[in-house]
Structures are given as structure tokens and as C-alpha cells.
Protein backbone atom coordinates (compact mmCIF):
# COMPACT_ATOMS: atom_id res chain seq x y z
CA MET A 1 -9.87 13.73 22.63
CA THR A 2 -8.00 14.94 19.55
CA LYS A 3 -10.30 15.95 16.73
CA GLY A 4 -10.07 14.27 13.36
CA PHE A 5 -9.51 15.89 9.99
CA VAL A 6 -11.76 16.07 6.92
CA TYR A 7 -10.46 15.94 3.34
CA LEU A 8 -12.99 17.09 0.74
CA VAL A 9 -11.76 15.00 -2.20
CA GLY A 10 -12.65 14.97 -5.89
CA ALA A 11 -13.01 11.40 -7.17
CA GLY A 12 -12.95 12.37 -10.84
CA ILE A 13 -14.92 10.00 -13.06
CA GLY A 14 -14.17 6.55 -14.40
CA GLY A 15 -13.15 4.68 -11.26
CA GLU A 16 -9.56 4.31 -10.13
CA GLN A 17 -8.19 5.64 -13.42
CA GLY A 18 -9.90 8.97 -12.80
CA LEU A 19 -8.25 9.57 -9.41
CA THR A 20 -5.38 11.92 -8.76
CA VAL A 21 -2.36 10.50 -6.93
CA LYS A 22 -3.29 12.57 -3.86
CA ALA A 23 -6.88 11.32 -3.85
CA ARG A 24 -5.74 7.71 -4.04
CA SER A 25 -3.27 8.11 -1.19
CA LEU A 26 -5.98 9.62 1.03
CA LEU A 27 -8.41 6.80 0.30
CA GLU A 28 -5.75 4.30 1.37
CA ILE A 29 -5.41 5.91 4.83
CA ALA A 30 -9.05 6.95 5.34
CA GLU A 31 -10.85 5.67 8.41
CA VAL A 32 -14.22 6.92 7.18
CA VAL A 33 -15.34 7.68 3.61
CA ILE A 34 -18.53 9.67 3.07
CA ALA A 35 -19.27 9.26 -0.64
CA ASP A 36 -21.82 10.88 -2.91
CA ASP A 37 -24.05 8.60 -4.96
CA LEU A 38 -22.26 9.36 -8.23
CA VAL A 39 -18.90 8.18 -6.86
CA ASP A 40 -17.85 4.95 -8.60
CA ASP A 41 -18.31 1.98 -6.25
CA ARG A 42 -15.12 0.40 -7.61
CA LEU A 43 -13.17 2.86 -5.46
CA ARG A 44 -14.20 0.90 -2.37
CA ALA A 45 -11.52 -1.63 -3.29
CA LEU A 46 -8.85 0.99 -2.47
CA VAL A 47 -9.81 1.55 1.17
CA SER A 48 -8.77 -0.65 4.07
CA PRO A 49 -11.16 -3.37 5.32
CA GLN A 50 -11.53 -1.40 8.56
CA CYS A 51 -12.64 1.78 6.79
CA GLU A 52 -16.29 2.78 7.21
CA TRP A 53 -17.83 3.56 3.81
CA ILE A 54 -20.98 5.69 3.96
CA LYS A 55 -23.01 6.48 0.86
CA THR A 56 -25.03 9.69 1.07
CA GLY A 57 -27.02 9.48 -2.15
CA LYS A 58 -26.57 13.01 -3.50
CA ARG A 59 -28.00 12.76 -7.02
CA GLY A 60 -30.51 14.95 -8.80
CA GLY A 61 -33.95 13.42 -9.11
CA LYS A 62 -33.17 10.71 -6.53
CA GLU A 63 -33.86 10.44 -2.82
CA SER A 64 -30.93 12.17 -1.14
CA VAL A 65 -29.52 12.70 2.32
CA PRO A 66 -30.12 16.36 3.29
CA GLN A 67 -27.03 18.56 3.16
CA SER A 68 -27.42 19.38 6.85
CA ALA A 69 -27.32 15.67 7.69
CA ILE A 70 -24.14 15.20 5.64
CA ASN A 71 -22.54 18.14 7.42
CA GLN A 72 -23.42 16.64 10.80
CA LEU A 73 -22.17 13.22 9.72
CA MET A 74 -18.73 14.68 8.90
CA ILE A 75 -18.62 16.52 12.20
CA ASP A 76 -19.69 13.52 14.30
CA ARG A 77 -17.10 11.22 12.74
CA ALA A 78 -14.36 13.85 13.00
CA LEU A 79 -15.11 14.36 16.70
CA THR A 80 -14.11 10.72 17.26
CA GLY A 81 -10.59 11.60 16.08
CA LYS A 82 -10.79 9.82 12.72
CA THR A 83 -9.45 10.76 9.30
CA ILE A 84 -12.44 11.48 7.07
CA VAL A 85 -12.57 11.54 3.27
CA ARG A 86 -15.64 13.36 1.96
CA LEU A 87 -15.64 11.90 -1.56
CA LYS A 88 -17.32 13.82 -4.37
CA SER A 89 -17.67 12.87 -8.01
CA GLY A 90 -15.61 15.01 -10.38
CA ASP A 91 -14.15 18.09 -8.69
CA PRO A 92 -15.46 19.43 -5.35
CA TRP A 93 -15.46 23.02 -6.60
CA VAL A 94 -17.70 22.31 -9.60
CA PHE A 95 -21.31 22.29 -8.31
CA GLY A 96 -20.10 20.28 -5.33
CA ARG A 97 -21.66 22.35 -2.50
CA VAL A 98 -18.24 22.35 -0.94
CA LEU A 99 -18.58 25.84 0.57
CA GLN A 100 -21.52 24.74 2.70
CA GLU A 101 -19.52 21.82 4.06
CA ILE A 102 -16.44 23.93 4.73
CA GLU A 103 -18.55 26.45 6.66
CA ALA A 104 -20.03 23.67 8.81
CA LEU A 105 -16.56 22.28 9.56
CA LYS A 106 -15.22 25.72 10.42
CA GLN A 107 -18.06 26.34 12.85
CA ALA A 108 -17.30 23.00 14.52
CA ASP A 109 -13.58 23.92 14.66
CA ILE A 110 -12.61 20.87 12.61
CA GLY A 111 -9.64 20.95 10.24
CA TRP A 112 -10.28 20.52 6.53
CA SER A 113 -8.57 20.53 3.16
CA VAL A 114 -9.91 20.45 -0.40
CA VAL A 115 -8.28 18.02 -2.86
CA PRO A 116 -9.12 18.79 -6.52
CA GLY A 117 -10.40 16.08 -8.85
CA LEU A 118 -10.76 15.68 -12.60
CA PRO A 119 -13.98 17.60 -13.39
CA SER A 120 -16.71 15.75 -15.28
CA PRO A 121 -17.45 18.62 -17.73
CA ILE A 122 -13.86 18.29 -18.98
CA VAL A 123 -13.36 14.53 -18.79
CA ALA A 124 -16.75 13.28 -20.05
CA PRO A 125 -16.50 15.01 -23.46
CA MET A 126 -12.93 13.77 -23.77
CA LEU A 127 -14.03 10.17 -23.13
CA ALA A 128 -16.73 10.62 -25.77
CA GLY A 129 -14.22 11.92 -28.32
CA ILE A 130 -15.57 15.48 -28.27
CA PRO A 131 -13.11 18.42 -28.10
CA LEU A 132 -14.37 21.36 -26.06
CA THR A 133 -12.33 23.85 -28.05
CA GLU A 134 -11.32 23.84 -31.71
CA THR A 135 -9.54 26.46 -33.79
CA ASP A 136 -12.35 27.20 -36.23
CA ARG A 137 -15.48 26.20 -34.34
CA SER A 138 -15.04 26.82 -30.61
CA SER A 139 -12.81 29.47 -29.10
CA CYS A 140 -14.32 29.00 -25.64
CA PHE A 141 -16.83 26.98 -23.63
CA VAL A 142 -18.95 27.46 -20.52
CA VAL A 143 -20.11 25.00 -17.85
CA LEU A 144 -23.57 25.41 -16.37
CA THR A 145 -26.15 23.48 -14.39
CA GLY A 146 -29.56 22.68 -15.79
CA HIS A 147 -31.29 22.65 -12.40
CA GLU A 148 -33.13 25.94 -12.90
CA PRO A 149 -33.08 26.74 -16.63
CA GLU A 150 -35.61 29.57 -16.28
CA HIS A 151 -33.01 31.63 -14.40
CA LEU A 152 -30.22 31.33 -16.96
CA PRO A 153 -29.24 34.16 -19.38
CA TRP A 154 -30.00 32.26 -22.58
CA ARG A 155 -29.35 35.16 -24.97
CA SER A 156 -25.80 35.50 -23.64
CA LEU A 157 -25.23 31.74 -23.41
CA ALA A 158 -26.30 31.27 -27.02
CA GLU A 159 -23.37 33.43 -28.13
CA ILE A 160 -20.83 31.05 -26.55
CA PRO A 161 -19.67 28.38 -29.06
CA THR A 162 -19.81 25.38 -26.71
CA LEU A 163 -22.08 24.73 -23.73
CA VAL A 164 -21.47 21.94 -21.24
CA ILE A 165 -24.49 21.25 -19.05
CA LEU A 166 -24.46 19.19 -15.86
CA MET A 167 -27.59 17.91 -14.12
CA GLY A 168 -29.69 18.93 -17.10
CA THR A 169 -31.38 15.76 -18.33
CA ARG A 170 -34.74 16.50 -16.70
CA SER A 171 -34.79 19.99 -18.20
CA LEU A 172 -33.34 19.04 -21.60
CA SER A 173 -36.45 19.98 -23.58
CA ILE A 174 -36.58 23.41 -21.91
CA VAL A 175 -32.86 23.96 -22.60
CA CYS A 176 -33.28 23.09 -26.28
CA ASP A 177 -36.36 25.28 -26.67
CA ARG A 178 -34.70 28.30 -25.05
CA LEU A 179 -31.53 27.97 -27.12
CA LYS A 180 -33.51 27.66 -30.33
CA GLU A 181 -34.75 31.17 -29.72
CA TYR A 182 -31.22 32.37 -30.52
CA ARG A 183 -29.49 29.44 -32.32
CA SER A 184 -30.38 27.14 -35.17
CA GLY A 185 -32.31 23.97 -34.38
CA SER A 186 -29.65 22.08 -36.34
CA THR A 187 -26.98 22.93 -33.72
CA PRO A 188 -25.33 19.60 -32.74
CA LEU A 189 -25.95 18.11 -29.30
CA ALA A 190 -24.47 15.12 -27.44
CA ILE A 191 -25.61 13.36 -24.29
CA ILE A 192 -22.85 11.45 -22.51
CA HIS A 193 -24.40 8.98 -20.08
CA GLN A 194 -22.41 7.21 -17.30
CA ALA A 195 -19.12 8.69 -18.54
CA GLY A 196 -16.06 6.64 -17.69
CA ARG A 197 -18.01 3.58 -16.60
CA TRP A 198 -18.70 0.29 -18.35
CA ALA A 199 -22.22 1.53 -19.17
CA GLN A 200 -21.06 4.71 -20.93
CA GLN A 201 -23.31 5.60 -23.84
CA VAL A 202 -23.30 8.60 -26.12
CA TRP A 203 -26.31 9.84 -28.08
CA THR A 204 -25.95 12.61 -30.63
CA GLY A 205 -28.49 14.76 -32.39
CA THR A 206 -29.48 18.40 -32.64
CA LEU A 207 -31.44 20.94 -30.65
CA ASP A 208 -34.42 19.87 -32.76
CA HIS A 209 -34.13 16.14 -32.11
CA VAL A 210 -32.10 13.43 -30.35
CA ASP A 211 -33.06 9.81 -30.97
CA LEU A 212 -33.12 8.27 -27.48
CA PRO A 213 -34.13 4.73 -26.42
CA PHE A 214 -37.65 4.60 -25.01
CA GLY A 215 -37.87 4.83 -21.23
CA VAL A 216 -34.12 5.20 -20.62
CA ASP A 217 -33.03 7.02 -17.45
CA LEU A 218 -30.52 9.57 -18.73
CA SER A 219 -29.12 10.55 -15.33
CA PRO A 220 -26.23 10.90 -14.73
CA ALA A 221 -25.20 12.62 -17.94
CA VAL A 222 -23.13 15.47 -19.33
CA ILE A 223 -24.70 17.40 -22.21
CA VAL A 224 -22.53 19.11 -24.83
CA ILE A 225 -24.05 21.60 -27.26
CA GLY A 226 -22.12 23.16 -30.14
CA GLU A 227 -20.35 22.52 -33.43
CA VAL A 228 -17.55 20.59 -31.66
CA VAL A 229 -19.94 17.63 -31.42
CA ARG A 230 -19.42 17.12 -35.16
CA HIS A 231 -15.80 16.16 -34.39
CA ARG A 232 -16.90 13.24 -32.29
CA SER A 233 -15.32 9.91 -33.26
CA TRP A 234 -16.78 6.57 -32.28
CA LEU A 235 -13.60 5.77 -30.38
CA SER A 236 -11.67 8.29 -28.32
CA SER A 237 -8.32 6.58 -28.95
CA SER A 238 -6.55 4.29 -31.40
CA LEU A 239 -5.80 1.63 -28.78
CA PRO A 240 -6.80 -1.83 -30.07
CA LEU A 241 -9.39 -2.48 -27.34
CA SER A 242 -10.71 1.08 -27.13
CA GLY A 243 -14.38 1.00 -26.18
CA CYS A 244 -14.42 -2.81 -25.91
CA ARG A 245 -16.38 -3.97 -22.85
CA ILE A 246 -14.70 -6.99 -21.27
CA LEU A 247 -16.02 -9.11 -18.38
CA VAL A 248 -13.28 -10.57 -16.15
CA THR A 249 -14.23 -13.65 -14.12
CA ARG A 250 -11.03 -14.14 -12.14
CA SER A 251 -11.20 -14.75 -8.39
CA ILE A 252 -11.66 -11.93 -5.92
CA GLY A 253 -8.41 -10.02 -5.39
CA GLN A 254 -6.54 -11.80 -8.22
CA SER A 255 -7.75 -9.95 -11.30
CA ALA A 256 -6.02 -6.59 -10.77
CA SER A 257 -3.00 -7.13 -13.01
CA PHE A 258 -5.06 -8.70 -15.81
CA VAL A 259 -7.61 -5.87 -15.63
CA ASP A 260 -4.79 -3.33 -15.74
CA GLU A 261 -3.31 -4.93 -18.86
CA LEU A 262 -6.68 -4.85 -20.61
CA GLN A 263 -7.27 -1.23 -19.63
CA LYS A 264 -3.87 -0.26 -21.01
CA GLN A 265 -5.15 -1.47 -24.36
CA GLY A 266 -8.22 0.77 -24.03
CA ALA A 267 -10.75 -1.79 -22.72
CA ILE A 268 -13.63 -0.97 -20.42
CA THR A 269 -13.53 -3.74 -17.81
CA ILE A 270 -16.07 -5.00 -15.34
CA GLU A 271 -15.30 -7.72 -12.82
CA MET A 272 -17.57 -10.62 -11.97
CA PRO A 273 -15.58 -12.82 -9.56
CA THR A 274 -16.64 -16.42 -10.06
CA LEU A 275 -14.14 -17.82 -7.58
CA ALA A 276 -13.64 -17.05 -3.91
CA ILE A 277 -10.49 -18.43 -2.27
CA VAL A 278 -11.14 -19.55 1.32
CA PRO A 279 -9.33 -21.78 3.86
CA PRO A 280 -9.76 -25.56 3.57
CA SER A 281 -12.12 -27.35 5.95
CA SER A 282 -8.99 -28.38 7.86
CA TYR A 283 -5.31 -27.43 7.74
CA ALA A 284 -4.34 -30.62 9.62
CA ASP A 285 -2.82 -32.49 6.66
CA LEU A 286 -0.94 -29.47 5.35
CA ASP A 287 0.40 -28.57 8.79
CA ARG A 288 1.49 -32.17 9.38
CA ALA A 289 3.30 -32.22 6.06
CA ILE A 290 5.10 -28.95 6.87
CA GLN A 291 6.14 -30.29 10.28
CA ASN A 292 7.74 -33.23 8.45
CA ILE A 293 9.03 -31.25 5.48
CA ASP A 294 12.46 -32.90 5.76
CA ARG A 295 11.06 -36.20 4.48
CA TYR A 296 10.08 -34.77 1.09
CA ASP A 297 12.26 -34.57 -2.01
CA TRP A 298 9.95 -32.46 -4.20
CA LEU A 299 7.32 -29.75 -3.71
CA ILE A 300 4.79 -29.23 -6.52
CA LEU A 301 2.85 -25.96 -6.76
CA THR A 302 0.35 -25.56 -9.60
CA SER A 303 -1.29 -22.24 -8.71
CA ALA A 304 -0.56 -18.90 -7.11
CA ASN A 305 -3.19 -19.76 -4.48
CA GLY A 306 -1.28 -22.91 -3.61
CA VAL A 307 1.95 -20.92 -3.19
CA GLU A 308 0.34 -18.35 -0.91
CA ALA A 309 -1.46 -20.96 1.21
CA PHE A 310 1.66 -23.10 1.63
CA PHE A 311 3.93 -20.27 2.74
CA ARG A 312 1.27 -18.82 5.04
CA ARG A 313 1.13 -22.08 6.98
CA LEU A 314 4.93 -22.49 6.81
CA PHE A 315 5.46 -19.12 8.51
CA LEU A 316 2.74 -19.78 11.10
CA GLN A 317 4.75 -22.80 12.23
CA GLY A 318 7.77 -20.63 12.85
CA LYS A 319 9.62 -21.84 9.77
CA ASP A 320 10.89 -19.86 6.78
CA CYS A 321 12.32 -20.55 3.33
CA ARG A 322 15.45 -22.11 4.82
CA ALA A 323 13.33 -25.13 5.77
CA LEU A 324 13.00 -25.86 2.05
CA HIS A 325 16.72 -25.84 1.21
CA HIS A 326 16.80 -29.57 0.49
CA LEU A 327 13.73 -29.57 -1.75
CA GLN A 328 13.40 -29.29 -5.47
CA ILE A 329 10.35 -27.28 -6.47
CA ALA A 330 8.23 -27.70 -9.59
CA VAL A 331 5.64 -25.09 -10.56
CA VAL A 332 3.02 -24.74 -13.29
CA GLY A 333 2.34 -21.39 -14.92
CA GLN A 334 4.12 -18.07 -15.21
CA LYS A 335 2.03 -16.50 -12.44
CA THR A 336 2.83 -19.35 -10.04
CA LYS A 337 6.51 -18.95 -10.86
CA GLU A 338 6.38 -15.20 -10.23
CA VAL A 339 4.57 -15.53 -6.90
CA LEU A 340 7.11 -18.12 -5.75
CA GLN A 341 9.90 -15.67 -6.61
CA THR A 342 8.39 -13.09 -4.25
CA TYR A 343 9.47 -15.47 -1.47
CA GLY A 344 13.02 -15.46 -2.82
CA ILE A 345 12.81 -18.89 -4.43
CA VAL A 346 13.43 -19.79 -8.07
CA ALA A 347 11.60 -22.90 -9.29
CA ASP A 348 13.74 -25.85 -10.33
CA LEU A 349 11.24 -27.10 -12.89
CA VAL A 350 8.66 -25.28 -15.03
CA PRO A 351 6.87 -27.03 -17.94
CA PRO A 352 7.24 -25.04 -21.18
CA ASP A 353 3.54 -25.02 -22.09
CA PHE A 354 2.22 -23.88 -18.68
CA ILE A 355 -0.14 -26.80 -18.05
CA ALA A 356 0.09 -29.28 -15.18
CA ASP A 357 -0.53 -32.43 -17.17
CA SER A 358 2.62 -31.80 -19.22
CA LEU A 359 4.77 -31.53 -16.11
CA ILE A 360 5.33 -35.27 -16.13
CA GLN A 361 7.04 -35.02 -19.53
CA VAL A 362 9.88 -32.92 -18.09
CA PHE A 363 10.06 -34.47 -14.62
CA PRO A 364 13.34 -36.32 -13.86
CA ASP A 365 13.38 -39.83 -12.43
CA VAL A 366 11.14 -39.90 -9.33
CA THR A 367 11.53 -43.56 -8.40
CA GLY A 368 11.45 -43.78 -4.61
CA LYS A 369 11.02 -40.00 -4.25
CA SER A 370 8.55 -38.39 -1.87
CA ILE A 371 6.52 -35.50 -3.29
CA LEU A 372 4.37 -32.94 -1.46
CA PHE A 373 1.51 -31.51 -3.50
CA PRO A 374 -0.55 -28.77 -1.73
CA ARG A 375 -3.66 -28.16 -3.85
CA VAL A 376 -7.30 -27.10 -3.81
CA GLU A 377 -9.39 -29.20 -1.42
CA SER A 378 -11.71 -30.41 -4.17
CA GLY A 379 -8.77 -32.10 -5.87
CA GLY A 380 -7.60 -31.79 -9.43
CA ARG A 381 -4.50 -32.58 -11.49
CA GLU A 382 -5.37 -36.27 -11.06
CA VAL A 383 -3.55 -37.26 -14.25
CA LEU A 384 -0.34 -35.72 -12.89
CA VAL A 385 -0.70 -37.49 -9.55
CA GLU A 386 -1.46 -40.82 -11.24
CA GLN A 387 1.49 -40.59 -13.63
CA LEU A 388 3.96 -39.64 -10.89
CA THR A 389 2.71 -42.53 -8.76
CA ASN A 390 3.07 -44.95 -11.68
CA LYS A 391 6.69 -43.81 -12.05
CA GLY A 392 7.42 -44.90 -8.47
CA ALA A 393 6.90 -41.68 -6.49
CA GLN A 394 5.03 -41.32 -3.22
CA VAL A 395 2.72 -38.30 -3.71
CA ASP A 396 1.08 -36.66 -0.70
CA CYS A 397 -1.85 -34.50 -1.86
CA VAL A 398 -2.95 -32.14 0.92
CA ALA A 399 -5.68 -29.50 1.01
CA ALA A 400 -4.22 -25.98 1.08
CA TYR A 401 -7.30 -23.92 0.19
CA GLN A 402 -10.82 -24.11 -1.16
CA SER A 403 -12.07 -22.49 -4.34
CA VAL A 404 -15.78 -21.83 -3.87
CA CYS A 405 -18.51 -20.20 -5.90
CA PRO A 406 -19.55 -16.72 -4.69
CA ASP A 407 -23.15 -16.56 -3.52
CA ARG A 408 -24.22 -13.40 -5.33
CA ILE A 409 -23.76 -11.26 -8.44
CA ASP A 410 -23.60 -7.50 -8.17
CA GLU A 411 -26.61 -5.76 -9.72
CA GLU A 412 -24.31 -3.59 -11.84
CA VAL A 413 -22.65 -6.70 -13.24
CA LEU A 414 -26.01 -8.24 -14.15
CA GLU A 415 -26.91 -5.12 -16.07
CA ALA A 416 -23.50 -5.08 -17.75
CA LEU A 417 -23.89 -8.62 -19.06
CA LYS A 418 -26.37 -7.37 -21.64
CA THR A 419 -23.79 -5.09 -23.27
CA ILE A 420 -20.53 -7.03 -22.82
CA ASP A 421 -18.32 -7.58 -25.89
CA VAL A 422 -15.95 -10.24 -24.47
CA ILE A 423 -16.21 -12.63 -21.50
CA THR A 424 -12.87 -14.00 -20.27
CA PHE A 425 -12.31 -17.33 -18.54
CA ALA A 426 -8.95 -18.18 -16.97
CA SER A 427 -9.83 -21.69 -15.77
CA SER A 428 -12.44 -24.40 -16.17
CA LYS A 429 -13.83 -23.65 -12.73
CA THR A 430 -14.52 -20.01 -13.60
CA VAL A 431 -16.72 -21.26 -16.45
CA LEU A 432 -18.67 -23.70 -14.29
CA HIS A 433 -19.18 -21.14 -11.52
CA PHE A 434 -20.24 -18.50 -14.05
CA VAL A 435 -23.01 -20.81 -15.22
CA GLN A 436 -23.94 -21.81 -11.66
CA MET A 437 -24.24 -18.21 -10.50
CA LEU A 438 -26.42 -17.17 -13.42
CA ASP A 439 -28.61 -20.28 -13.14
CA GLN A 440 -29.42 -19.19 -9.59
CA ILE A 441 -30.58 -15.80 -10.87
CA THR A 442 -32.78 -16.68 -13.83
CA ASP A 443 -33.59 -19.31 -16.45
CA ARG A 444 -30.68 -20.33 -18.67
CA SER A 445 -32.50 -19.31 -21.81
CA VAL A 446 -32.79 -15.79 -20.38
CA TRP A 447 -29.16 -15.25 -19.42
CA SER A 448 -27.95 -17.00 -22.57
CA ASP A 449 -29.80 -14.33 -24.51
CA TRP A 450 -28.05 -11.64 -22.44
CA ILE A 451 -24.60 -12.83 -23.54
CA LYS A 452 -25.38 -13.97 -27.08
CA GLY A 453 -23.52 -10.98 -28.52
CA ALA A 454 -20.42 -11.49 -26.36
CA LYS A 455 -17.33 -13.34 -27.55
CA ILE A 456 -16.09 -16.12 -25.25
CA ALA A 457 -12.34 -15.90 -24.57
CA SER A 458 -10.55 -18.90 -23.04
CA ILE A 459 -7.07 -19.14 -21.53
CA GLY A 460 -6.36 -22.55 -23.06
CA THR A 461 -7.38 -25.94 -24.37
CA GLN A 462 -8.92 -27.45 -21.23
CA THR A 463 -10.86 -24.30 -20.40
CA SER A 464 -12.11 -24.17 -24.00
CA ILE A 465 -13.47 -27.71 -23.70
CA VAL A 466 -15.51 -26.70 -20.66
CA CYS A 467 -16.65 -23.50 -22.39
CA ARG A 468 -18.02 -25.50 -25.32
CA GLU A 469 -19.74 -27.96 -22.98
CA ALA A 470 -21.29 -25.28 -20.76
CA LEU A 471 -21.75 -22.34 -23.14
CA GLY A 472 -21.69 -23.98 -26.55
CA ARG A 473 -18.87 -21.95 -28.06
CA VAL A 474 -15.43 -20.32 -27.88
CA GLU A 475 -14.41 -17.51 -30.22
CA ILE A 476 -11.03 -16.58 -28.74
CA GLU A 477 -8.39 -18.95 -27.34
CA ALA A 478 -4.95 -18.05 -26.02
CA LYS A 479 -1.97 -19.62 -27.80
CA GLU A 480 0.13 -19.29 -24.66
CA PHE A 481 -1.86 -20.51 -21.66
CA THR A 482 -1.27 -17.43 -19.50
CA LEU A 483 -3.19 -14.23 -18.74
CA GLN A 484 -0.72 -12.38 -20.94
CA GLY A 485 -1.47 -14.86 -23.70
CA LEU A 486 -5.21 -14.37 -23.16
CA LYS A 487 -4.86 -10.60 -23.43
CA GLU A 488 -2.83 -10.93 -26.62
CA ALA A 489 -5.42 -13.27 -28.13
CA ILE A 490 -8.21 -10.77 -27.42
CA VAL A 491 -6.19 -7.92 -28.94
CA LYS A 492 -5.40 -9.97 -32.04
CA TYR A 493 -9.05 -10.96 -32.47
CA MET A 494 -10.28 -7.38 -32.16
CA LEU A 495 -7.65 -6.02 -34.54
CA THR A 496 -8.60 -8.69 -37.10
CA LYS A 497 -12.27 -7.82 -36.65
CA LEU A 498 -11.60 -4.09 -37.15
CA SER A 499 -9.55 -4.71 -40.30
CA LYS A 500 -12.44 -6.49 -42.04
């Protein structure tokens, strides 16, 4: 059997944004990923569903898989002929034990290659707004590990303007005491915790004292010591959403573009999917309608999910877009329109204000017309159906998909809720499911207290009504009822807040 190949890859820090192009491409083709504990779990979204993701738990102060076991794991998987990505936080060459793993692979005669990553001692200070070098205060810096501080040359290190310490939180007091033998106790110090993630926090102080929250687990953290810490700004960019923590509640697999737009404005995003799109309990009605597609005059699609579900079943029946040549197609929403265009079809009718209930205002005469309306199984858009029927149309509403409430919330998301600045809702159902999911976790008074400091951002009028009913408030509402409009409303709100 042909042996596999092992790529020792640096994952950088900060999720997908911290990856190199090479690292991302390898994750997309990986058959097995062996990831250290510090690797951001969001990267799992980049691998194929068939990829085996193994977490090895290499973190200081935590229970870890022995290095020998990791070496053997790489070898065993490679001997099956698979492509392996050994994923390390930051850069493999910076305290990554990569030489031990290379030696093990060489002895097993398995091919390997090292792919550099963005190193945490460089990126973490940058994300905290701390320059490592500065003309007048820091002509150089050094990176060291705080694992064994008693073995470090402190007299020599004290002469270097800037020190960057990894894995040093447990020995922080020793580090400060040793440096104070050669440097002033007023020397600035910064602790950058969870750099690049939603939970990033930065504490500043001096070698003499840093005011830290009681009982907080500092690991993982990057420690910066030197005068450059005085240059630290509260925000590391002038983007309007820089440092703003935003919770996105879109359905699984449908939030990527919205998240990307928010991140381009500097936001730190965390996703809590409150919708899961699944097949309907039966495709019988939709399949029957597609088999008799010639009898319809209009096709109405009010969501991207409806578009995808309809065309999936159309193709499974051996038909393609030519079967729709006689139809006129009405859609609701910019996203629905764009998804339809990916199938090579331009909608004949799109309401100007992006809501389904206004579609009737622009609909031509439908007397005697037959209309197919694939929609979510639970129903919806009843006003539209009723008005079209009253105008003389025959409307066939068929189940194309189900929109269900996920059964769990990620532990990281639960923790994030306590520090979120903005919670976004793109539909009424996302609001209701958000409440349902949290009610299953704890008492409403408890989780309401978690989010009391967060601003509620709604995509439009109907969603805002549900927000007020379920959550008691809405601070931000989109003027244009689209995700782009929601993003713009959040940016405008934050800019107004900053200008006060």
C-alpha cells in the first residue's frame, strides 16, 4: 500500500483569518487532521465532512496526549495512505516540537513537509495594538518560553527592550521578580489572553502589579514586557466595528457571507446557529408539483432555502431549467434573487422593499392563474397566499424544507454570550429559536442577565416585533430589509455611539 504524506501546518491565530493560503488549501484536501488544543475549532468548518479531526490536547497546564503518542498517531494514519495535516497553533517552528515529529516520520520513512504559519508572538501583540519595535523605545525584541524561568539568562534578557513570553502565565510572578533585579518595577507589561478569538482580553500593568480578575485562567496568553506597551491603543484599527463582539444567529452554513462582511468592518464574530435546514417530512407534494410543472403559470420563491430545495428536487427528476421556460418567477429578497441567478434564471418580479407581504402590491392580474409556492413545511406567508387566492389565483403551497431548532448550544458560545456587544437576528424564527435554546439551558432570568449589555439588531419590521415580544427591546433595525442593510445599520449605530 502507498504511504500517505504528513504536512506539519501552522494554523496561525484568530481562526480562518489567521491562515495562510497554503494552510487553507491543505485543510480542504486533508483526510485526517491532528490538531493541538490551541488550534481554533472554527477551522473544522474548512475540512470535508469525511475528514477525521483528532484533537490532541497539547496545552501547558492541561492534560495532554504524550508526544510519543502523537508521533505514533501520525505514523499510523499515514500508513493507511491518507493525507495528514498535523495542525499547530501559530507557527510550527516556534516552540512547536516540530523536530521531534519530523524525526519520528523520517524513521518511519513517511514523507513530510512543514508549512509556516503566522506566529503568535508577532500576531498577538499586533491584535492588541502593541508594536514590538519602535524607533525610540524598542530597537529589538526576543521571544522566549516561560516554562522553566530558573534556567533563563535574566541579566542578558533585561537588556533587551521588548520581551515576548509564551507559556508563561503560571510562572508570571517569578518572571516579574527576576526582571526586577535588573529593570524598574514600573516597566510596562501586557497580558494578551485568547488572542484573535472572540474572548480576547488584554490586561496591562507593570512588573510590580497587574490588576487581574479574581480566579481567571490566564492560559493561553502572550505576555509582552517593555516600553512599547505604553503605545497600546484600545482598538488596533480605525474600522467602525473594530473590537465589537457580534453574535450571528443565522442558520448553519448560511452565515458565511454576513460574517465576512462584519469582519471586514473589524468585528469579532461568533456564530450561534438558531436554525437548521432539513428535508421536509415528505417530498411527495413537491415532487408531484414538479412532475406537473407545465400546469403552473407562476413560481414564487421567498427564501434562498426554497430556491435550493426546489432545484434539488427538479434535477433529481431528470429535469433542468428548461422545464421552467413557460413560467414567470417571483422572488422575495436580494439573497433569494442572487441564489436564483446562480441557476441562470433572472426573476420576473421582485418587490422593492424585500418583504413577502408586499409582493401582492406589484403582482399583475392573477385571475385564473395557477401558482406554485414551495415553502417551509411549517407554513408562513399566509397573508400573501390569502391575498393571491382572493384575487382569483389557485395557489399550491408545498413543503420544500423544514426549518428546525438546533438541539444544543456550543459551550464556547454560552460563555461568549456574557461579553457580546450586538446580537443579530435575520428572521422572526431566529429570535424564537434563540429564546427556546436558552430556555432549555437555564432560567430566563439568568440568560437575560447574560445579554443585558448586548444591543439587539433586527433585519426588519416583522423581526423587530418578535424581538420586542420575546426579548423586550430592539436597539438597531435595518432600513433595508437585507443582511447588507443589517450590517449597515450596525455600523451606523456604532459610529454614532463612538461620536458621542
